[in-house]
């Protein structure tokens, strides 16, 4: 083994050790428990510090990518220093995230946690690409992975800044999903040949016609769909009004109000998946047992 092969082997080992460390930190961020003590916590200072930590990870990812983009390879010492610097930025990001106490809101923490995990997963992907690509060469995959880390870091500038904003963002996302489900179903109902009419039109010559019983709504089906549309639209109206109420009257400062916002989000979080599932089972051929089951799930429970 010549000297260059020895350097490549040592640097590769350093990168693998770094990758393992980042994987461990990512797992702790994803599954770890929040800080329970509020103390003198300042949310504005937290965001400033978090922004610096994210920027540091982005810069370190760029350094790693550049170091392995062209010859010569970093020396063993330089490689170890680079890995130590990357790991330091990763640990700093994780530490700052853990500063955020649960009392600031579960919804806010979820957004920040998911964004931090996305950054760390992007960094892991970059390290894997460098390890499995020819060293000393800049591949398209390495460029994409580097850009992926940058994009994940940029996401932090669009995160909600407090639990009220986080709740509004969740509710707005739910409203969008419900709105899309309603519009898609209405569009399908308006089509003369039913939602799957094109399937029949594309039958090849000589094939026996399959009929349209399983691709179009009967009059009975349309009455059932209309009734379910009313429920879906009621869910959409509920989400709109709730979102407007949180925007105008929500409070992200008092601990009790923060907890109430989290309870509200948890209570409403299942609406859009439920509406989406209901909409899917309304397409022909209708299974009335499935429709009844999904309608029952959408009825409000006494404890909500």
Protein backbone atom coordinates (compact mmCIF):
# COMPACT_ATOMS: atom_id res chain seq x y z
CA UNK A 1 0.00 0.00 0.00
CA UNK A 2 1.51 3.33 -1.06
CA UNK A 3 1.36 6.54 0.95
CA UNK A 4 -1.63 7.92 -0.96
CA UNK A 5 -3.67 4.77 -0.35
CA UNK A 6 -2.80 4.95 3.33
CA UNK A 7 -3.99 8.58 3.52
CA UNK A 8 -7.24 7.65 1.75
CA UNK A 9 -7.84 4.79 4.17
CA UNK A 10 -7.19 6.94 7.24
CA UNK A 11 -9.34 9.81 5.99
CA UNK A 12 -12.11 7.38 5.09
CA UNK A 13 -12.03 5.97 8.63
CA UNK A 14 -12.25 9.51 10.04
CA UNK A 15 -15.31 10.22 7.89
CA UNK A 16 -17.00 6.98 8.94
CA UNK A 17 -16.42 7.78 12.60
CA UNK A 18 -17.86 11.25 12.02
CA UNK A 19 -20.88 9.76 10.26
CA UNK A 20 -21.51 7.41 13.20
CA UNK A 21 -21.31 10.31 15.64
CA UNK A 22 -23.75 12.42 13.63
CA UNK A 23 -26.15 9.46 13.48
CA UNK A 24 -26.07 9.17 17.27
CA UNK A 25 -26.72 12.88 17.77
CA UNK A 26 -29.57 12.78 15.24
CA UNK A 27 -31.22 9.91 17.10
CA UNK A 28 -31.02 11.84 20.37
CA UNK A 29 -32.52 14.96 18.79
CA UNK A 30 -35.32 12.94 17.19
CA UNK A 31 -36.26 10.95 20.30
CA UNK A 32 -34.95 12.95 23.25
CA UNK A 33 -37.02 14.63 25.94
CA UNK A 34 -37.29 18.44 26.17
CA UNK A 35 -35.87 20.65 28.88
CA UNK A 36 -38.46 20.77 31.65
CA UNK A 37 -37.18 23.90 33.42
CA UNK A 38 -38.06 27.36 32.14
CA UNK A 39 -35.82 29.47 34.37
CA UNK A 40 -34.87 32.75 32.74
CA UNK A 41 -35.43 31.42 29.24
CA UNK A 42 -35.55 34.12 26.56
CA UNK A 43 -37.15 33.02 23.29
CA UNK A 44 -35.60 35.84 21.26
CA UNK A 45 -32.10 34.97 22.44
CA UNK A 46 -32.81 31.31 21.72
CA UNK A 47 -33.61 32.09 18.08
CA UNK A 48 -30.47 34.19 17.69
CA UNK A 49 -28.30 31.41 19.09
CA UNK A 50 -30.09 28.73 17.07
CA UNK A 51 -29.58 30.75 13.89
CA UNK A 52 -25.84 30.90 14.54
CA UNK A 53 -25.71 27.17 15.24
CA UNK A 54 -27.51 26.34 12.00
CA UNK A 55 -25.24 28.68 10.05
CA UNK A 56 -22.21 26.91 11.53
CA UNK A 57 -23.45 23.49 10.38
CA UNK A 58 -24.03 24.86 6.89
CA UNK A 59 -20.52 26.29 6.76
CA UNK A 60 -18.96 23.07 8.03
CA UNK A 61 -20.85 21.03 5.45
CA UNK A 62 -19.48 23.33 2.75
CA UNK A 63 -15.93 22.89 4.06
CA UNK A 64 -16.26 19.11 4.01
CA UNK A 65 -17.63 19.11 0.49
CA UNK A 66 -14.87 21.39 -0.78
CA UNK A 67 -12.15 19.39 0.99
CA UNK A 68 -13.14 16.26 -0.93
CA UNK A 69 -13.96 17.87 -4.26
CA UNK A 70 -10.49 17.77 -5.82
CA UNK A 71 -6.99 16.46 -5.10
CA UNK A 72 -5.05 16.31 -2.95
CA UNK A 73 -6.89 14.58 -0.13
CA UNK A 74 -6.69 16.23 3.28
CA UNK A 75 -3.92 14.84 5.43
CA UNK A 76 -4.89 12.64 8.34
CA UNK A 77 -4.38 15.54 10.72
CA UNK A 78 -6.39 17.96 8.58
CA UNK A 79 -9.11 15.38 8.15
CA UNK A 80 -9.39 14.85 11.90
CA UNK A 81 -9.48 18.59 12.54
CA UNK A 82 -12.19 18.99 9.93
CA UNK A 83 -14.23 16.15 11.44
CA UNK A 84 -13.85 17.61 14.93
CA UNK A 85 -15.07 20.98 13.67
CA UNK A 86 -18.09 19.42 11.96
CA UNK A 87 -19.00 17.41 15.05
CA UNK A 88 -18.65 20.49 17.24
CA UNK A 89 -21.20 22.34 15.07
CA UNK A 90 -23.56 19.36 15.18
CA UNK A 91 -23.36 19.10 18.97
CA UNK A 92 -23.91 22.85 19.26
CA UNK A 93 -27.09 22.62 17.15
CA UNK A 94 -28.38 19.75 19.29
CA UNK A 95 -27.52 21.56 22.53
CA UNK A 96 -29.32 24.75 21.50
CA UNK A 97 -32.38 22.75 20.47
CA UNK A 98 -32.49 21.17 23.92
CA UNK A 99 -32.49 24.61 25.52
CA UNK A 100 -36.07 25.08 24.33
CA UNK A 101 -38.29 24.06 27.29
CA UNK A 102 -41.53 22.19 26.90
CA UNK A 103 -43.34 25.16 28.38
CA UNK A 104 -42.69 27.10 25.16
CA UNK A 105 -45.02 24.72 23.35
CA UNK A 106 -44.98 21.21 21.96
CA UNK A 107 -46.07 22.38 18.50
CA UNK A 108 -43.16 24.81 18.28
CA UNK A 109 -40.70 22.17 19.46
CA UNK A 110 -41.93 19.73 16.81
CA UNK A 111 -41.25 22.19 14.02
CA UNK A 112 -37.76 22.98 15.32
CA UNK A 113 -36.98 19.32 16.01
CA UNK A 114 -38.05 18.26 12.51
CA UNK A 115 -36.01 21.05 10.93
CA UNK A 116 -32.93 20.13 12.99
CA UNK A 117 -33.28 16.45 12.09
CA UNK A 118 -33.59 17.39 8.42
CA UNK A 119 -30.30 19.32 8.62
CA UNK A 120 -28.52 16.44 10.34
CA UNK A 121 -29.93 13.87 7.94
CA UNK A 122 -28.77 16.03 5.04
CA UNK A 123 -25.29 16.14 6.54
CA UNK A 124 -25.29 12.35 6.96
CA UNK A 125 -26.28 11.93 3.33
CA UNK A 126 -23.42 14.22 2.26
CA UNK A 127 -20.91 12.21 4.30
CA UNK A 128 -22.22 8.95 2.84
CA UNK A 129 -21.94 10.30 -0.71
CA UNK A 130 -18.34 11.40 -0.10
CA UNK A 131 -17.48 8.01 1.41
CA UNK A 132 -18.98 5.98 -1.42
CA UNK A 133 -17.88 8.23 -4.29
CA UNK A 134 -14.31 8.31 -5.64
CA UNK A 135 -12.35 10.53 -3.28
CA UNK A 136 -10.85 13.69 -4.81
CA UNK A 137 -13.72 14.06 -7.29
CA UNK A 138 -16.79 16.30 -7.18
CA UNK A 139 -19.82 14.29 -8.32
CA UNK A 140 -23.30 15.57 -9.13
CA UNK A 141 -24.60 13.61 -6.17
CA UNK A 142 -22.17 15.41 -3.88
CA UNK A 143 -23.31 18.76 -5.27
CA UNK A 144 -26.95 17.82 -4.70
CA UNK A 145 -26.24 16.61 -1.18
CA UNK A 146 -24.39 19.81 -0.32
CA UNK A 147 -27.30 21.83 -1.68
CA UNK A 148 -29.65 19.68 0.38
CA UNK A 149 -27.87 20.70 3.58
CA UNK A 150 -28.08 24.36 2.56
CA UNK A 151 -31.81 24.05 1.82
CA UNK A 152 -32.46 22.34 5.15
CA UNK A 153 -30.59 25.13 6.96
CA UNK A 154 -32.52 27.80 5.04
CA UNK A 155 -35.75 26.22 6.27
CA UNK A 156 -35.08 27.67 9.72
CA UNK A 157 -35.81 31.17 8.44
CA UNK A 158 -39.37 30.07 7.66
CA UNK A 159 -40.15 28.35 10.96
CA UNK A 160 -42.84 29.71 13.31
CA UNK A 161 -41.29 31.87 15.98
CA UNK A 162 -43.60 30.91 18.86
CA UNK A 163 -46.28 28.37 19.71
CA UNK A 164 -49.12 30.54 18.44
CA UNK A 165 -47.48 30.80 15.02
CA UNK A 166 -46.79 27.06 15.12
CA UNK A 167 -50.44 26.29 15.83
CA UNK A 168 -51.56 28.57 12.99
CA UNK A 169 -49.15 26.84 10.64
CA UNK A 170 -50.49 23.41 11.59
CA UNK A 171 -54.10 24.55 11.15
CA UNK A 172 -53.34 26.20 7.83
CA UNK A 173 -51.72 23.02 6.57
CA UNK A 174 -54.74 20.99 7.67
CA UNK A 175 -57.07 23.43 5.92
CA UNK A 176 -55.10 23.14 2.69
CA UNK A 177 -55.31 19.34 2.66
CA UNK A 178 -59.07 19.40 3.30
CA UNK A 179 -59.60 22.06 0.63
CA UNK A 180 -57.68 20.00 -1.93
CA UNK A 181 -59.68 16.86 -1.13
CA UNK A 182 -62.97 18.73 -1.55
CA UNK A 183 -61.92 20.35 -4.84
CA UNK A 184 -60.64 17.09 -6.33
CA UNK A 185 -63.87 15.30 -5.50
CA UNK A 186 -65.96 18.15 -6.94
CA UNK A 187 -63.89 18.07 -10.11
CA UNK A 188 -64.44 14.32 -10.47
CA UNK A 189 -68.18 14.71 -9.93
CA UNK A 190 -68.37 17.33 -12.66
CA UNK A 191 -66.79 15.10 -15.29
CA UNK A 192 -69.38 13.60 -17.62
CA UNK A 193 -67.65 10.22 -17.90
CA UNK A 194 -66.86 9.84 -14.22
CA UNK A 195 -63.42 10.02 -12.57
CA UNK A 196 -62.07 7.03 -14.49
CA UNK A 197 -63.67 7.67 -17.87
CA UNK A 198 -60.30 7.86 -19.60
CA UNK A 199 -59.61 4.26 -18.65
CA UNK A 200 -62.55 3.09 -20.77
CA UNK A 201 -61.59 5.39 -23.64
CA UNK A 202 -58.11 3.91 -23.77
CA UNK A 203 -59.21 0.30 -24.23
CA UNK A 204 -57.42 -1.30 -27.12
CA UNK A 205 -59.32 -2.43 -30.20
CA UNK A 206 -60.55 -5.99 -29.99
CA UNK A 207 -60.78 -6.05 -26.22
CA UNK A 208 -64.09 -6.94 -24.65
CA UNK A 209 -65.68 -3.83 -23.07
CA UNK A 210 -65.40 -3.85 -19.30
CA UNK A 211 -68.44 -1.69 -18.69
CA UNK A 212 -68.59 1.34 -16.44
CA UNK A 213 -70.21 -0.03 -13.32
CA UNK A 214 -66.94 0.21 -11.40
CA UNK A 215 -65.83 3.54 -12.87
CA UNK A 216 -68.93 5.77 -12.56
CA UNK A 217 -71.27 6.84 -9.78
CA UNK A 218 -74.86 5.66 -9.74
CA UNK A 219 -77.59 8.06 -8.63
CA UNK A 220 -77.56 6.38 -5.23
CA UNK A 221 -73.79 6.84 -5.08
CA UNK A 222 -74.08 10.53 -5.89
CA UNK A 223 -76.59 11.07 -3.08
CA UNK A 224 -74.22 9.39 -0.63
CA UNK A 225 -71.29 11.44 -1.92
CA UNK A 226 -73.29 14.67 -1.60
CA UNK A 227 -74.05 13.90 2.04
CA UNK A 228 -70.37 13.24 2.73
CA UNK A 229 -69.38 16.44 0.92
CA UNK A 230 -71.46 18.34 3.45
CA UNK A 231 -69.47 16.79 6.27
CA UNK A 232 -66.17 17.57 4.51
CA UNK A 233 -67.19 21.20 3.98
CA UNK A 234 -68.22 21.48 7.62
CA UNK A 235 -64.73 20.27 8.59
CA UNK A 236 -63.19 22.88 6.29
CA UNK A 237 -65.32 25.63 7.83
CA UNK A 238 -64.37 24.48 11.33
CA UNK A 239 -60.67 24.67 10.43
CA UNK A 240 -61.02 28.14 8.90
CA UNK A 241 -62.82 29.53 11.92
CA UNK A 242 -60.43 27.90 14.35
CA UNK A 243 -57.43 29.27 12.46
CA UNK A 244 -58.92 32.77 12.46
CA UNK A 245 -59.64 32.55 16.20
CA UNK A 246 -56.08 31.46 17.00
CA UNK A 247 -54.65 34.26 14.84
CA UNK A 248 -56.68 36.96 16.57
CA UNK A 249 -56.94 35.63 20.12
CA UNK A 250 -54.15 33.10 20.59
CA UNK A 251 -51.53 33.74 23.26
CA UNK A 252 -48.01 32.33 23.10
CA UNK A 253 -46.80 33.84 26.38
CA UNK A 254 -48.87 32.53 29.31
CA UNK A 255 -47.99 28.86 30.02
CA UNK A 256 -51.65 27.89 30.31
CA UNK A 257 -52.44 29.46 26.93
CA UNK A 258 -49.46 27.73 25.33
CA UNK A 259 -50.70 24.38 26.65
CA UNK A 260 -54.21 25.11 25.38
CA UNK A 261 -52.84 25.73 21.89
CA UNK A 262 -51.09 22.35 22.00
CA UNK A 263 -54.30 20.64 23.14
CA UNK A 264 -56.17 22.33 20.30
CA UNK A 265 -53.62 21.17 17.74
CA UNK A 266 -53.71 17.61 19.07
CA UNK A 267 -57.51 17.58 18.95
CA UNK A 268 -57.67 18.85 15.38
CA UNK A 269 -54.63 17.07 13.95
CA UNK A 270 -56.66 14.09 12.76
CA UNK A 271 -59.20 16.06 10.74
CA UNK A 272 -57.35 16.35 7.44
CA UNK A 273 -56.21 12.69 7.30
CA UNK A 274 -59.75 11.64 8.15
CA UNK A 275 -61.27 13.84 5.43
CA UNK A 276 -58.68 12.62 2.95
CA UNK A 277 -59.46 8.98 3.75
CA UNK A 278 -63.19 9.66 3.49
CA UNK A 279 -62.75 11.33 0.11
CA UNK A 280 -60.74 8.40 -1.23
CA UNK A 281 -63.43 5.86 -0.35
CA UNK A 282 -66.07 7.97 -2.14
CA UNK A 283 -64.67 7.20 -5.58
CA UNK A 284 -66.36 4.39 -7.52
CA UNK A 285 -66.97 1.62 -6.90
CA UNK A 286 -68.40 2.73 -3.56
CA UNK A 287 -68.02 0.41 -0.62
CA UNK A 288 -70.84 1.58 1.61
CA UNK A 289 -69.49 -0.23 4.67
CA UNK A 290 -66.19 1.61 4.26
CA UNK A 291 -68.00 4.93 3.79
CA UNK A 292 -70.07 4.35 6.96
CA UNK A 293 -66.91 3.49 8.88
CA UNK A 294 -65.09 6.65 7.79
CA UNK A 295 -68.15 8.83 8.46
CA UNK A 296 -68.33 7.45 12.00
CA UNK A 297 -64.68 8.34 12.56
CA UNK A 298 -65.36 11.93 11.46
CA UNK A 299 -68.17 12.47 13.96
CA UNK A 300 -66.95 14.61 16.91
CA UNK A 301 -66.15 12.80 20.12
CA UNK A 302 -67.48 14.02 23.44
CA UNK A 303 -64.02 14.74 24.84
CA UNK A 304 -62.97 17.05 21.99
